[in-house]
Amino acid sequence: MSVRMLKNVIFIIFTISLFVISGCTTNSNYITVDGTALGTFVQVKCNTTQSPETITSLITEIDSQAKASMSIFDKNSLLSKINRNETEIIDEHIAYNINLARHFSELSGGAYDITIKPLTDAWGFGREHKKELNVNIDSILCFVGYDKFAVDNNRIIKQDSRIELDLNSIAKGYVVDMVAKRLEEMSIEDYMVNIGGEVRCSGKNPRGEMWSIGIETPYDGNMAMDSFEKIIYLNNAAIATSGNYRRFYVTEDGNKVTHTIDPRTGYSVVSTLLSATVIAEECAIADAAATMFMALGSDEALDVAKKCEAEYGWRYYFIYAEGDDYRVECSSEFK
């Protein structure tokens, strides 16, 4: 397979065994709800006597909470107001994600950092999608760094008023967890929640089997989900994939600038790591970990992944570019 046919990363994880085939189901109470949340697609499949309208209402409620709290695209969200220094008070959602993000920042030596927003804005990957004509990296780095702010009694304390937070690398997984928790509170044990490719599964699928999740074969710029590199079977776990093929631009001199920015240097990560897939107990963890590994790049990601698997039990599936082909590094159970 040539490099031209490869995606530069896998970003969407697609559930392949989620459609109920007539005559193959083991329980007629499975329902499927499709919709949108956080500006992307949502699919919830679960074994329940609740109506599809009830599940849809649940998703809408959680989506509204998440946007009002953590969205950097909504100017009226709490996070947007914090970034504009209009308030210092944070809510439970922002507090939880800041705490979890700090763990990943420390784990990666600063490669994962939620204060990266000024850099992503400058490189054209922010809310306005406008690249600055002259990016002064040294100037921006003065107010980028997870150690440059703290939380005290539900108040965020910044060392510099120009510090801005971006929770996009963790919030989608967190919302998946929010939906999953609400389903469990409704005594729903068999479910799959998929928001924009971030997935959490519990129990069995409609055929009484483990949920089947497909990892796409990477080739540059592909927007379809028609080729799968690996099928992973999950029960009571979450999975997320991070990559760059849907978010990049090419400069006038032909260089590719991807949305994965290293906050330690201020520049786009140069790496042969095409995609990082992580399986963990919670989707927020898998989401942040996948981003962290992409930010670490090919030189550091694998060593850290092995340590995380040994310490936390997180499983991984990495795809690297190798000449005109690609190679896979993964947890032993996926070989």
C-alpha atoms as a PDB file:
ATOM      1  CA  MET A   1       0.000   0.000   0.000  1.00  0.00           C
ATOM      2  CA  SER A   2       1.525   3.334  -1.030  1.00  0.00           C
ATOM      3  CA  VAL A   3       1.872   6.342   1.231  1.00  0.00           C
ATOM      4  CA  ARG A   4      -0.638   8.228  -0.923  1.00  0.00           C
ATOM      5  CA  MET A   5      -3.248   5.649   0.018  1.00  0.00           C
ATOM      6  CA  LEU A   6      -2.609   5.999   3.713  1.00  0.00           C
ATOM      7  CA  LYS A   7      -4.414   8.185   6.193  1.00  0.00           C
ATOM      8  CA  ASN A   8      -2.088  10.167   8.376  1.00  0.00           C
ATOM      9  CA  VAL A   9      -4.111   9.096  11.381  1.00  0.00           C
ATOM     10  CA  ILE A  10      -7.121   7.381  12.659  1.00  0.00           C
ATOM     11  CA  PHE A  11      -9.472   9.744  14.364  1.00  0.00           C
ATOM     12  CA  ILE A  12     -12.900   8.127  14.112  1.00  0.00           C
ATOM     13  CA  ILE A  13     -13.561   4.783  15.722  1.00  0.00           C
ATOM     14  CA  PHE A  14     -16.532   3.140  14.026  1.00  0.00           C
ATOM     15  CA  THR A  15     -18.723   0.475  15.538  1.00  0.00           C
ATOM     16  CA  ILE A  16     -19.239  -2.251  12.971  1.00  0.00           C
ATOM     17  CA  SER A  17     -21.424  -4.711  14.774  1.00  0.00           C
ATOM     18  CA  LEU A  18     -23.956  -2.267  16.066  1.00  0.00           C
ATOM     19  CA  PHE A  19     -26.779  -2.556  13.554  1.00  0.00           C
ATOM     20  CA  VAL A  20     -29.464  -5.002  14.647  1.00  0.00           C
ATOM     21  CA  ILE A  21     -29.886  -7.571  11.885  1.00  0.00           C
ATOM     22  CA  SER A  22     -33.364  -9.015  11.598  1.00  0.00           C
ATOM     23  CA  GLY A  23     -33.507 -12.535  13.020  1.00  0.00           C
ATOM     24  CA  CYS A  24     -30.097 -12.267  14.728  1.00  0.00           C
ATOM     25  CA  THR A  25     -31.003 -10.382  17.879  1.00  0.00           C
ATOM     26  CA  THR A  26     -31.251 -12.057  21.246  1.00  0.00           C
ATOM     27  CA  ASN A  27     -33.380  -9.371  22.873  1.00  0.00           C
ATOM     28  CA  SER A  28     -36.101  -7.265  21.301  1.00  0.00           C
ATOM     29  CA  ASN A  29     -35.573  -4.465  23.845  1.00  0.00           C
ATOM     30  CA  TYR A  30     -32.467  -3.073  22.140  1.00  0.00           C
ATOM     31  CA  ILE A  31     -32.990   0.395  20.725  1.00  0.00           C
ATOM     32  CA  THR A  32     -30.752   2.673  18.676  1.00  0.00           C
ATOM     33  CA  VAL A  33     -30.794   6.433  19.044  1.00  0.00           C
ATOM     34  CA  ASP A  34     -28.911   8.613  16.548  1.00  0.00           C
ATOM     35  CA  GLY A  35     -28.390  12.334  16.980  1.00  0.00           C
ATOM     36  CA  THR A  36     -25.815  15.057  17.485  1.00  0.00           C
ATOM     37  CA  ALA A  37     -23.867  16.465  20.422  1.00  0.00           C
ATOM     38  CA  LEU A  38     -20.796  18.666  20.749  1.00  0.00           C
ATOM     39  CA  GLY A  39     -21.086  19.407  17.040  1.00  0.00           C
ATOM     40  CA  THR A  40     -20.643  15.781  15.980  1.00  0.00           C
ATOM     41  CA  PHE A  41     -22.637  12.590  15.596  1.00  0.00           C
ATOM     42  CA  VAL A  42     -24.002  10.512  18.460  1.00  0.00           C
ATOM     43  CA  GLN A  43     -25.179   6.926  18.486  1.00  0.00           C
ATOM     44  CA  VAL A  44     -26.484   5.176  21.571  1.00  0.00           C
ATOM     45  CA  LYS A  45     -27.526   1.538  21.401  1.00  0.00           C
ATOM     46  CA  CYS A  46     -28.880  -0.046  24.554  1.00  0.00           C
ATOM     47  CA  ASN A  47     -31.020  -2.808  26.005  1.00  0.00           C
ATOM     48  CA  THR A  48     -33.882  -1.013  27.703  1.00  0.00           C
ATOM     49  CA  THR A  49     -37.621  -0.633  27.995  1.00  0.00           C
ATOM     50  CA  GLN A  50     -37.149   3.144  27.961  1.00  0.00           C
ATOM     51  CA  SER A  51     -38.370   4.937  24.855  1.00  0.00           C
ATOM     52  CA  PRO A  52     -35.981   6.341  22.245  1.00  0.00           C
ATOM     53  CA  GLU A  53     -37.392   9.765  23.112  1.00  0.00           C
ATOM     54  CA  THR A  54     -36.242   9.363  26.724  1.00  0.00           C
ATOM     55  CA  ILE A  55     -32.681   8.546  25.631  1.00  0.00           C
ATOM     56  CA  THR A  56     -32.714  11.403  23.137  1.00  0.00           C
ATOM     57  CA  SER A  57     -33.828  13.791  25.880  1.00  0.00           C
ATOM     58  CA  LEU A  58     -31.004  12.541  28.117  1.00  0.00           C
ATOM     59  CA  ILE A  59     -28.423  13.194  25.382  1.00  0.00           C
ATOM     60  CA  THR A  60     -29.821  16.669  24.704  1.00  0.00           C
ATOM     61  CA  GLU A  61     -29.692  17.557  28.391  1.00  0.00           C
ATOM     62  CA  ILE A  62     -26.080  16.417  28.803  1.00  0.00           C
ATOM     63  CA  ASP A  63     -25.027  18.113  25.563  1.00  0.00           C
ATOM     64  CA  SER A  64     -26.504  21.409  26.793  1.00  0.00           C
ATOM     65  CA  GLN A  65     -24.697  21.100  30.139  1.00  0.00           C
ATOM     66  CA  ALA A  66     -21.389  20.331  28.465  1.00  0.00           C
ATOM     67  CA  LYS A  67     -21.610  23.190  25.970  1.00  0.00           C
ATOM     68  CA  ALA A  68     -22.640  25.700  28.626  1.00  0.00           C
ATOM     69  CA  SER A  69     -19.685  24.638  30.730  1.00  0.00           C
ATOM     70  CA  MET A  70     -16.725  23.613  28.559  1.00  0.00           C
ATOM     71  CA  SER A  71     -17.223  24.802  24.986  1.00  0.00           C
ATOM     72  CA  ILE A  72     -14.571  27.093  23.502  1.00  0.00           C
ATOM     73  CA  PHE A  73     -16.836  27.585  20.476  1.00  0.00           C
ATOM     74  CA  ASP A  74     -19.706  29.081  22.494  1.00  0.00           C
ATOM     75  CA  LYS A  75     -18.794  32.625  23.544  1.00  0.00           C
ATOM     76  CA  ASN A  76     -21.274  32.414  26.404  1.00  0.00           C
ATOM     77  CA  SER A  77     -19.915  29.210  27.946  1.00  0.00           C
ATOM     78  CA  LEU A  78     -18.310  29.289  31.374  1.00  0.00           C
ATOM     79  CA  LEU A  79     -14.941  28.297  29.933  1.00  0.00           C
ATOM     80  CA  SER A  80     -15.077  31.107  27.376  1.00  0.00           C
ATOM     81  CA  LYS A  81     -15.772  33.579  30.167  1.00  0.00           C
ATOM     82  CA  ILE A  82     -12.867  32.171  32.171  1.00  0.00           C
ATOM     83  CA  ASN A  83     -10.608  32.547  29.147  1.00  0.00           C
ATOM     84  CA  ARG A  84     -11.707  36.182  28.817  1.00  0.00           C
ATOM     85  CA  ASN A  85     -11.081  36.698  32.557  1.00  0.00           C
ATOM     86  CA  GLU A  86     -14.717  37.569  33.182  1.00  0.00           C
ATOM     87  CA  THR A  87     -14.897  35.055  36.026  1.00  0.00           C
ATOM     88  CA  GLU A  88     -12.601  32.875  38.105  1.00  0.00           C
ATOM     89  CA  ILE A  89     -15.257  30.419  39.268  1.00  0.00           C
ATOM     90  CA  ILE A  90     -15.270  26.926  37.752  1.00  0.00           C
ATOM     91  CA  ASP A  91     -18.000  24.290  37.872  1.00  0.00           C
ATOM     92  CA  GLU A  92     -17.774  20.556  38.589  1.00  0.00           C
ATOM     93  CA  HIS A  93     -17.241  19.650  34.927  1.00  0.00           C
ATOM     94  CA  ILE A  94     -14.302  21.988  34.401  1.00  0.00           C
ATOM     95  CA  ALA A  95     -12.837  21.084  37.787  1.00  0.00           C
ATOM     96  CA  TYR A  96     -12.922  17.361  37.013  1.00  0.00           C
ATOM     97  CA  ASN A  97     -11.307  17.765  33.610  1.00  0.00           C
ATOM     98  CA  ILE A  98      -8.619  20.138  34.861  1.00  0.00           C
ATOM     99  CA  ASN A  99      -7.679  17.631  37.552  1.00  0.00           C
ATOM    100  CA  LEU A 100      -7.543  14.740  35.094  1.00  0.00           C
ATOM    101  CA  ALA A 101      -5.660  16.810  32.514  1.00  0.00           C
ATOM    102  CA  ARG A 102      -2.989  17.709  35.055  1.00  0.00           C
ATOM    103  CA  HIS A 103      -2.286  14.017  35.531  1.00  0.00           C
ATOM    104  CA  PHE A 104      -1.635  13.618  31.803  1.00  0.00           C
ATOM    105  CA  SER A 105       0.512  16.755  31.713  1.00  0.00           C
ATOM    106  CA  GLU A 106       2.719  15.360  34.466  1.00  0.00           C
ATOM    107  CA  LEU A 107       2.752  11.908  32.890  1.00  0.00           C
ATOM    108  CA  SER A 108       3.932  13.311  29.540  1.00  0.00           C
ATOM    109  CA  GLY A 109       6.392  15.895  30.816  1.00  0.00           C
ATOM    110  CA  GLY A 110       4.232  18.701  29.438  1.00  0.00           C
ATOM    111  CA  ALA A 111       3.506  17.237  25.984  1.00  0.00           C
ATOM    112  CA  TYR A 112      -0.168  17.170  26.943  1.00  0.00           C
ATOM    113  CA  ASP A 113      -1.331  20.596  28.087  1.00  0.00           C
ATOM    114  CA  ILE A 114      -4.792  22.185  28.170  1.00  0.00           C
ATOM    115  CA  THR A 115      -3.291  25.713  28.144  1.00  0.00           C
ATOM    116  CA  ILE A 116      -2.422  25.138  24.482  1.00  0.00           C
ATOM    117  CA  LYS A 117      -5.340  27.228  23.165  1.00  0.00           C
ATOM    118  CA  PRO A 118      -3.274  30.337  22.238  1.00  0.00           C
ATOM    119  CA  LEU A 119      -1.025  28.120  20.117  1.00  0.00           C
ATOM    120  CA  THR A 120      -3.854  26.311  18.339  1.00  0.00           C
ATOM    121  CA  ASP A 121      -5.497  29.673  17.679  1.00  0.00           C
ATOM    122  CA  ALA A 122      -2.273  31.110  16.274  1.00  0.00           C
ATOM    123  CA  TRP A 123      -1.767  28.144  13.946  1.00  0.00           C
ATOM    124  CA  GLY A 124      -5.328  28.351  12.644  1.00  0.00           C
ATOM    125  CA  PHE A 125      -6.985  25.465  14.490  1.00  0.00           C
ATOM    126  CA  GLY A 126      -9.056  27.495  16.940  1.00  0.00           C
ATOM    127  CA  ARG A 127     -12.658  28.682  16.921  1.00  0.00           C
ATOM    128  CA  GLU A 128     -12.096  31.243  14.156  1.00  0.00           C
ATOM    129  CA  HIS A 129      -9.951  28.881  12.021  1.00  0.00           C
ATOM    130  CA  LYS A 130      -7.727  31.815  11.085  1.00  0.00           C
ATOM    131  CA  LYS A 131      -3.948  31.490  11.059  1.00  0.00           C
ATOM    132  CA  GLU A 132      -1.935  34.456  12.287  1.00  0.00           C
ATOM    133  CA  LEU A 133       0.248  35.901   9.561  1.00  0.00           C
ATOM    134  CA  ASN A 134       3.313  36.017  11.789  1.00  0.00           C
ATOM    135  CA  VAL A 135       3.239  33.532  14.657  1.00  0.00           C
ATOM    136  CA  ASN A 136       5.531  34.698  17.468  1.00  0.00           C
ATOM    137  CA  ILE A 137       6.047  31.369  19.204  1.00  0.00           C
ATOM    138  CA  ASP A 138       8.402  32.647  21.910  1.00  0.00           C
ATOM    139  CA  SER A 139       5.913  35.287  22.943  1.00  0.00           C
ATOM    140  CA  ILE A 140       3.009  32.822  23.107  1.00  0.00           C
ATOM    141  CA  LEU A 141       4.991  30.236  25.064  1.00  0.00           C
ATOM    142  CA  CYS A 142       5.317  32.760  27.886  1.00  0.00           C
ATOM    143  CA  PHE A 143       1.707  32.051  28.839  1.00  0.00           C
ATOM    144  CA  VAL A 144       1.434  28.378  27.854  1.00  0.00           C
ATOM    145  CA  GLY A 145       2.100  25.737  30.497  1.00  0.00           C
ATOM    146  CA  TYR A 146       0.012  23.591  32.842  1.00  0.00           C
ATOM    147  CA  ASP A 147       2.098  24.776  35.791  1.00  0.00           C
ATOM    148  CA  LYS A 148       1.092  28.400  35.167  1.00  0.00           C
ATOM    149  CA  PHE A 149      -2.353  28.126  36.718  1.00  0.00           C
ATOM    150  CA  ALA A 150      -3.907  26.470  39.764  1.00  0.00           C
ATOM    151  CA  VAL A 151      -7.326  25.732  41.216  1.00  0.00           C
ATOM    152  CA  ASP A 152      -8.227  26.773  44.747  1.00  0.00           C
ATOM    153  CA  ASN A 153     -11.718  26.424  46.232  1.00  0.00           C
ATOM    154  CA  ASN A 154     -13.404  26.236  42.818  1.00  0.00           C
ATOM    155  CA  ARG A 155     -11.471  29.280  41.625  1.00  0.00           C
ATOM    156  CA  ILE A 156      -8.909  29.257  38.857  1.00  0.00           C
ATOM    157  CA  ILE A 157      -5.789  31.291  39.567  1.00  0.00           C
ATOM    158  CA  LYS A 158      -3.715  32.310  36.544  1.00  0.00           C
ATOM    159  CA  GLN A 159      -0.141  33.518  36.633  1.00  0.00           C
ATOM    160  CA  ASP A 160      -0.885  35.481  33.462  1.00  0.00           C
ATOM    161  CA  SER A 161      -4.251  36.819  32.352  1.00  0.00           C
ATOM    162  CA  ARG A 162      -3.521  35.680  28.784  1.00  0.00           C
ATOM    163  CA  ILE A 163      -3.639  32.002  29.799  1.00  0.00           C
ATOM    164  CA  GLU A 164      -6.538  30.216  28.085  1.00  0.00           C
ATOM    165  CA  LEU A 165      -7.776  26.669  28.519  1.00  0.00           C
ATOM    166  CA  ASP A 166      -8.918  24.230  25.837  1.00  0.00           C
ATOM    167  CA  LEU A 167     -10.620  21.035  27.031  1.00  0.00           C
ATOM    168  CA  ASN A 168     -11.431  19.651  23.585  1.00  0.00           C
ATOM    169  CA  SER A 169      -8.891  16.857  23.979  1.00  0.00           C
ATOM    170  CA  ILE A 170     -10.769  15.420  26.938  1.00  0.00           C
ATOM    171  CA  ALA A 171     -14.311  16.826  27.024  1.00  0.00           C
ATOM    172  CA  LYS A 172     -15.810  14.579  24.349  1.00  0.00           C
ATOM    173  CA  GLY A 173     -14.705  11.466  26.192  1.00  0.00           C
ATOM    174  CA  TYR A 174     -15.981  12.991  29.418  1.00  0.00           C
ATOM    175  CA  VAL A 175     -19.426  13.544  27.865  1.00  0.00           C
ATOM    176  CA  VAL A 176     -19.465   9.913  26.707  1.00  0.00           C
ATOM    177  CA  ASP A 177     -18.872   8.961  30.338  1.00  0.00           C
ATOM    178  CA  MET A 178     -21.661  11.289  31.456  1.00  0.00           C
ATOM    179  CA  VAL A 179     -24.127   9.583  29.110  1.00  0.00           C
ATOM    180  CA  ALA A 180     -22.920   6.123  30.183  1.00  0.00           C
ATOM    181  CA  LYS A 181     -23.337   7.014  33.864  1.00  0.00           C
ATOM    182  CA  ARG A 182     -26.895   8.211  33.289  1.00  0.00           C
ATOM    183  CA  LEU A 183     -27.739   4.992  31.433  1.00  0.00           C
ATOM    184  CA  GLU A 184     -26.409   2.964  34.351  1.00  0.00           C
ATOM    185  CA  GLU A 185     -28.467   5.041  36.771  1.00  0.00           C
ATOM    186  CA  MET A 186     -31.469   3.929  34.715  1.00  0.00           C
ATOM    187  CA  SER A 187     -30.380   0.290  35.340  1.00  0.00           C
ATOM    188  CA  ILE A 188     -29.248  -0.141  31.727  1.00  0.00           C
ATOM    189  CA  GLU A 189     -26.385  -2.660  31.709  1.00  0.00           C
ATOM    190  CA  ASP A 190     -25.980  -3.403  27.993  1.00  0.00           C
ATOM    191  CA  TYR A 191     -25.098  -0.288  26.022  1.00  0.00           C
ATOM    192  CA  MET A 192     -22.777   1.389  23.558  1.00  0.00           C
ATOM    193  CA  VAL A 193     -22.285   5.171  23.521  1.00  0.00           C
ATOM    194  CA  ASN A 194     -20.462   6.669  20.539  1.00  0.00           C
ATOM    195  CA  ILE A 195     -19.879  10.422  20.297  1.00  0.00           C
ATOM    196  CA  GLY A 196     -17.781  11.424  17.322  1.00  0.00           C
ATOM    197  CA  GLY A 197     -15.827   8.166  17.434  1.00  0.00           C
ATOM    198  CA  GLU A 198     -15.198   8.159  21.193  1.00  0.00           C
ATOM    199  CA  VAL A 199     -16.876   5.000  22.460  1.00  0.00           C
ATOM    200  CA  ARG A 200     -17.822   3.379  25.750  1.00  0.00           C
ATOM    201  CA  CYS A 201     -19.376  -0.083  25.929  1.00  0.00           C
ATOM    202  CA  SER A 202     -20.933  -2.230  28.629  1.00  0.00           C
ATOM    203  CA  GLY A 203     -22.411  -5.695  28.649  1.00  0.00           C
ATOM    204  CA  LYS A 204     -23.351  -7.351  25.360  1.00  0.00           C
ATOM    205  CA  ASN A 205     -24.479  -6.210  21.925  1.00  0.00           C
ATOM    206  CA  PRO A 206     -27.865  -7.245  20.449  1.00  0.00           C
ATOM    207  CA  ARG A 207     -26.408 -10.615  19.342  1.00  0.00           C
ATOM    208  CA  GLY A 208     -25.335 -11.403  22.885  1.00  0.00           C
ATOM    209  CA  GLU A 209     -21.672 -10.845  22.012  1.00  0.00           C
ATOM    210  CA  MET A 210     -18.988  -8.348  22.942  1.00  0.00           C
ATOM    211  CA  TRP A 211     -19.190  -5.000  21.163  1.00  0.00           C
ATOM    212  CA  SER A 212     -17.067  -4.863  17.989  1.00  0.00           C
ATOM    213  CA  ILE A 213     -15.124  -1.659  17.296  1.00  0.00           C
ATOM    214  CA  GLY A 214     -13.247  -1.090  14.057  1.00  0.00           C
ATOM    215  CA  ILE A 215     -10.024   0.924  13.776  1.00  0.00           C
ATOM    216  CA  GLU A 216      -9.721   2.516  10.358  1.00  0.00           C
ATOM    217  CA  THR A 217      -6.866   1.851   7.976  1.00  0.00           C
ATOM    218  CA  PRO A 218      -5.032   5.188   7.684  1.00  0.00           C
ATOM    219  CA  TYR A 219      -4.690   6.994   4.416  1.00  0.00           C
ATOM    220  CA  ASP A 220      -4.293  10.726   4.000  1.00  0.00           C
ATOM    221  CA  GLY A 221      -7.389  12.910   3.969  1.00  0.00           C
ATOM    222  CA  ASN A 222      -9.909  10.063   3.886  1.00  0.00           C
ATOM    223  CA  MET A 223     -13.330  11.049   5.209  1.00  0.00           C
ATOM    224  CA  ALA A 224     -15.114   7.712   4.765  1.00  0.00           C
ATOM    225  CA  MET A 225     -15.114   4.776   7.130  1.00  0.00           C
ATOM    226  CA  ASP A 226     -14.757   1.980   4.602  1.00  0.00           C
ATOM    227  CA  SER A 227     -11.504   0.233   5.504  1.00  0.00           C
ATOM    228  CA  PHE A 228     -10.550  -1.221   8.870  1.00  0.00           C
ATOM    229  CA  GLU A 229      -7.092  -2.088  10.095  1.00  0.00           C
ATOM    230  CA  LYS A 230      -8.197  -3.936  13.233  1.00  0.00           C
ATOM    231  CA  ILE A 231     -11.359  -5.121  14.975  1.00  0.00           C
ATOM    232  CA  ILE A 232     -11.304  -4.810  18.754  1.00  0.00           C
ATOM    233  CA  TYR A 233     -13.860  -6.489  21.024  1.00  0.00           C
ATOM    234  CA  LEU A 234     -14.899  -4.610  24.142  1.00  0.00           C
ATOM    235  CA  ASN A 235     -16.941  -5.118  27.272  1.00  0.00           C
ATOM    236  CA  ASN A 236     -17.056  -2.599  30.120  1.00  0.00           C
ATOM    237  CA  ALA A 237     -14.395  -0.398  28.557  1.00  0.00           C
ATOM    238  CA  ALA A 238     -13.911   2.775  26.542  1.00  0.00           C
ATOM    239  CA  ILE A 239     -11.878   3.454  23.409  1.00  0.00           C
ATOM    240  CA  ALA A 240     -10.658   6.613  21.701  1.00  0.00           C
ATOM    241  CA  THR A 241      -8.373   7.374  18.759  1.00  0.00           C
ATOM    242  CA  SER A 242      -6.428  10.526  17.992  1.00  0.00           C
ATOM    243  CA  GLY A 243      -4.903  11.585  14.699  1.00  0.00           C
ATOM    244  CA  ASN A 244      -4.393  14.417  12.247  1.00  0.00           C
ATOM    245  CA  TYR A 245      -5.770  13.514   8.835  1.00  0.00           C
ATOM    246  CA  ARG A 246      -8.955  15.555   9.180  1.00  0.00           C
ATOM    247  CA  ARG A 247      -7.316  18.653  10.607  1.00  0.00           C
ATOM    248  CA  PHE A 248      -4.310  20.009   8.769  1.00  0.00           C
ATOM    249  CA  TYR A 249      -3.351  22.498   6.097  1.00  0.00           C
ATOM    250  CA  VAL A 250      -0.480  22.781   3.642  1.00  0.00           C
ATOM    251  CA  THR A 251       1.654  25.912   3.585  1.00  0.00           C
ATOM    252  CA  GLU A 252       2.765  27.708   0.425  1.00  0.00           C
ATOM    253  CA  ASP A 253       6.122  25.938   0.593  1.00  0.00           C
ATOM    254  CA  GLY A 254       4.422  22.544   0.755  1.00  0.00           C
ATOM    255  CA  ASN A 255       4.825  21.773   4.443  1.00  0.00           C
ATOM    256  CA  LYS A 256       1.964  20.072   6.260  1.00  0.00           C
ATOM    257  CA  VAL A 257       0.845  21.673   9.529  1.00  0.00           C
ATOM    258  CA  THR A 258      -1.259  19.332  11.678  1.00  0.00           C
ATOM    259  CA  HIS A 259      -3.501  20.240  14.597  1.00  0.00           C
ATOM    260  CA  THR A 260      -1.353  18.301  17.079  1.00  0.00           C
ATOM    261  CA  ILE A 261       0.857  21.026  18.515  1.00  0.00           C
ATOM    262  CA  ASP A 262       3.649  20.319  20.987  1.00  0.00           C
ATOM    263  CA  PRO A 263       3.182  22.876  23.798  1.00  0.00           C
ATOM    264  CA  ARG A 264       6.819  22.436  24.753  1.00  0.00           C
ATOM    265  CA  THR A 265       8.034  23.820  21.405  1.00  0.00           C
ATOM    266  CA  GLY A 266       4.969  25.625  20.075  1.00  0.00           C
ATOM    267  CA  TYR A 267       5.202  23.855  16.731  1.00  0.00           C
ATOM    268  CA  SER A 268       3.298  21.079  14.972  1.00  0.00           C
ATOM    269  CA  VAL A 269       4.465  17.633  16.055  1.00  0.00           C
ATOM    270  CA  VAL A 270       6.756  15.975  13.498  1.00  0.00           C
ATOM    271  CA  SER A 271       6.246  12.253  13.875  1.00  0.00           C
ATOM    272  CA  THR A 272       5.820   8.935  12.075  1.00  0.00           C
ATOM    273  CA  LEU A 273       3.027   8.061  14.508  1.00  0.00           C
ATOM    274  CA  LEU A 274      -0.077   8.159  12.320  1.00  0.00           C
ATOM    275  CA  SER A 275      -2.646   7.361  14.985  1.00  0.00           C
ATOM    276  CA  ALA A 276      -2.960   6.364  18.611  1.00  0.00           C
ATOM    277  CA  THR A 277      -5.854   4.281  19.911  1.00  0.00           C
ATOM    278  CA  VAL A 278      -6.289   3.763  23.643  1.00  0.00           C
ATOM    279  CA  ILE A 279      -8.592   1.442  25.581  1.00  0.00           C
ATOM    280  CA  ALA A 280      -9.253   2.366  29.201  1.00  0.00           C
ATOM    281  CA  GLU A 281     -11.933   2.118  31.873  1.00  0.00           C
ATOM    282  CA  GLU A 282     -13.288   5.609  31.189  1.00  0.00           C
ATOM    283  CA  CYS A 283     -13.636   7.450  27.897  1.00  0.00           C
ATOM    284  CA  ALA A 284     -12.236  10.711  29.278  1.00  0.00           C
ATOM    285  CA  ILE A 285      -9.055   8.818  30.129  1.00  0.00           C
ATOM    286  CA  ALA A 286      -8.866   7.128  26.722  1.00  0.00           C
ATOM    287  CA  ASP A 287      -9.542  10.449  24.976  1.00  0.00           C
ATOM    288  CA  ALA A 288      -6.826  12.368  26.813  1.00  0.00           C
ATOM    289  CA  ALA A 289      -4.342   9.497  26.602  1.00  0.00           C
ATOM    290  CA  ALA A 290      -4.738   9.185  22.820  1.00  0.00           C
ATOM    291  CA  THR A 291      -4.078  12.915  22.440  1.00  0.00           C
ATOM    292  CA  MET A 292      -1.118  12.675  24.804  1.00  0.00           C
ATOM    293  CA  PHE A 293       0.498   9.916  22.755  1.00  0.00           C
ATOM    294  CA  MET A 294       0.078  11.868  19.520  1.00  0.00           C
ATOM    295  CA  ALA A 295       1.670  14.900  21.183  1.00  0.00           C
ATOM    296  CA  LEU A 296       4.571  12.777  22.449  1.00  0.00           C
ATOM    297  CA  GLY A 297       5.210  11.598  18.893  1.00  0.00           C
ATOM    298  CA  SER A 298       7.012   8.570  17.569  1.00  0.00           C
ATOM    299  CA  ASP A 299      10.129   9.049  19.687  1.00  0.00           C
ATOM    300  CA  GLU A 300       8.401   8.948  23.067  1.00  0.00           C
ATOM    301  CA  ALA A 301       4.860   7.558  22.761  1.00  0.00           C
ATOM    302  CA  LEU A 302       5.589   3.833  22.745  1.00  0.00           C
ATOM    303  CA  ASP A 303       7.759   3.831  25.867  1.00  0.00           C
ATOM    304  CA  VAL A 304       5.160   5.838  27.783  1.00  0.00           C
ATOM    305  CA  ALA A 305       2.351   3.579  26.494  1.00  0.00           C
ATOM    306  CA  LYS A 306       4.122   0.484  27.789  1.00  0.00           C
ATOM    307  CA  LYS A 307       4.576   2.097  31.190  1.00  0.00           C
ATOM    308  CA  CYS A 308       0.908   3.143  31.292  1.00  0.00           C
ATOM    309  CA  GLU A 309      -0.214  -0.358  30.384  1.00  0.00           C
ATOM    310  CA  ALA A 310       1.875  -1.826  33.188  1.00  0.00           C
ATOM    311  CA  GLU A 311       0.738   0.730  35.767  1.00  0.00           C
ATOM    312  CA  TYR A 312      -2.835   1.559  34.762  1.00  0.00           C
ATOM    313  CA  GLY A 313      -3.890  -1.272  32.468  1.00  0.00           C
ATOM    314  CA  TRP A 314      -4.475   1.015  29.473  1.00  0.00           C
ATOM    315  CA  ARG A 315      -4.189  -0.901  26.209  1.00  0.00           C
ATOM    316  CA  TYR A 316      -2.926   0.709  23.024  1.00  0.00           C
ATOM    317  CA  TYR A 317      -2.867   0.296  19.252  1.00  0.00           C
ATOM    318  CA  PHE A 318      -0.451   2.577  17.398  1.00  0.00           C
ATOM    319  CA  ILE A 319       0.022   2.845  13.643  1.00  0.00           C
ATOM    320  CA  TYR A 320       3.303   4.252  12.315  1.00  0.00           C
ATOM    321  CA  ALA A 321       4.369   5.286   8.825  1.00  0.00           C
ATOM    322  CA  GLU A 322       7.236   3.152   7.575  1.00  0.00           C
ATOM    323  CA  GLY A 323       8.546   3.901   4.111  1.00  0.00           C
ATOM    324  CA  ASP A 324       5.777   3.267   1.593  1.00  0.00           C
ATOM    325  CA  ASP A 325       3.833   1.218   4.114  1.00  0.00           C
ATOM    326  CA  TYR A 326       2.998   1.287   7.818  1.00  0.00           C
ATOM    327  CA  ARG A 327       3.618  -0.809  10.896  1.00  0.00           C
ATOM    328  CA  VAL A 328       1.689  -1.478  14.074  1.00  0.00           C
ATOM    329  CA  GLU A 329       2.826  -1.400  17.692  1.00  0.00           C
ATOM    330  CA  CYS A 330       0.204  -2.588  20.151  1.00  0.00           C
ATOM    331  CA  SER A 331      -0.675  -4.369  23.366  1.00  0.00           C
ATOM    332  CA  SER A 332       0.006  -8.086  23.152  1.00  0.00           C
ATOM    333  CA  GLU A 333      -3.686  -9.062  23.141  1.00  0.00           C
ATOM    334  CA  PHE A 334      -4.190  -7.266  19.808  1.00  0.00           C
ATOM    335  CA  LYS A 335      -1.376  -9.051  17.959  1.00  0.00           C
END
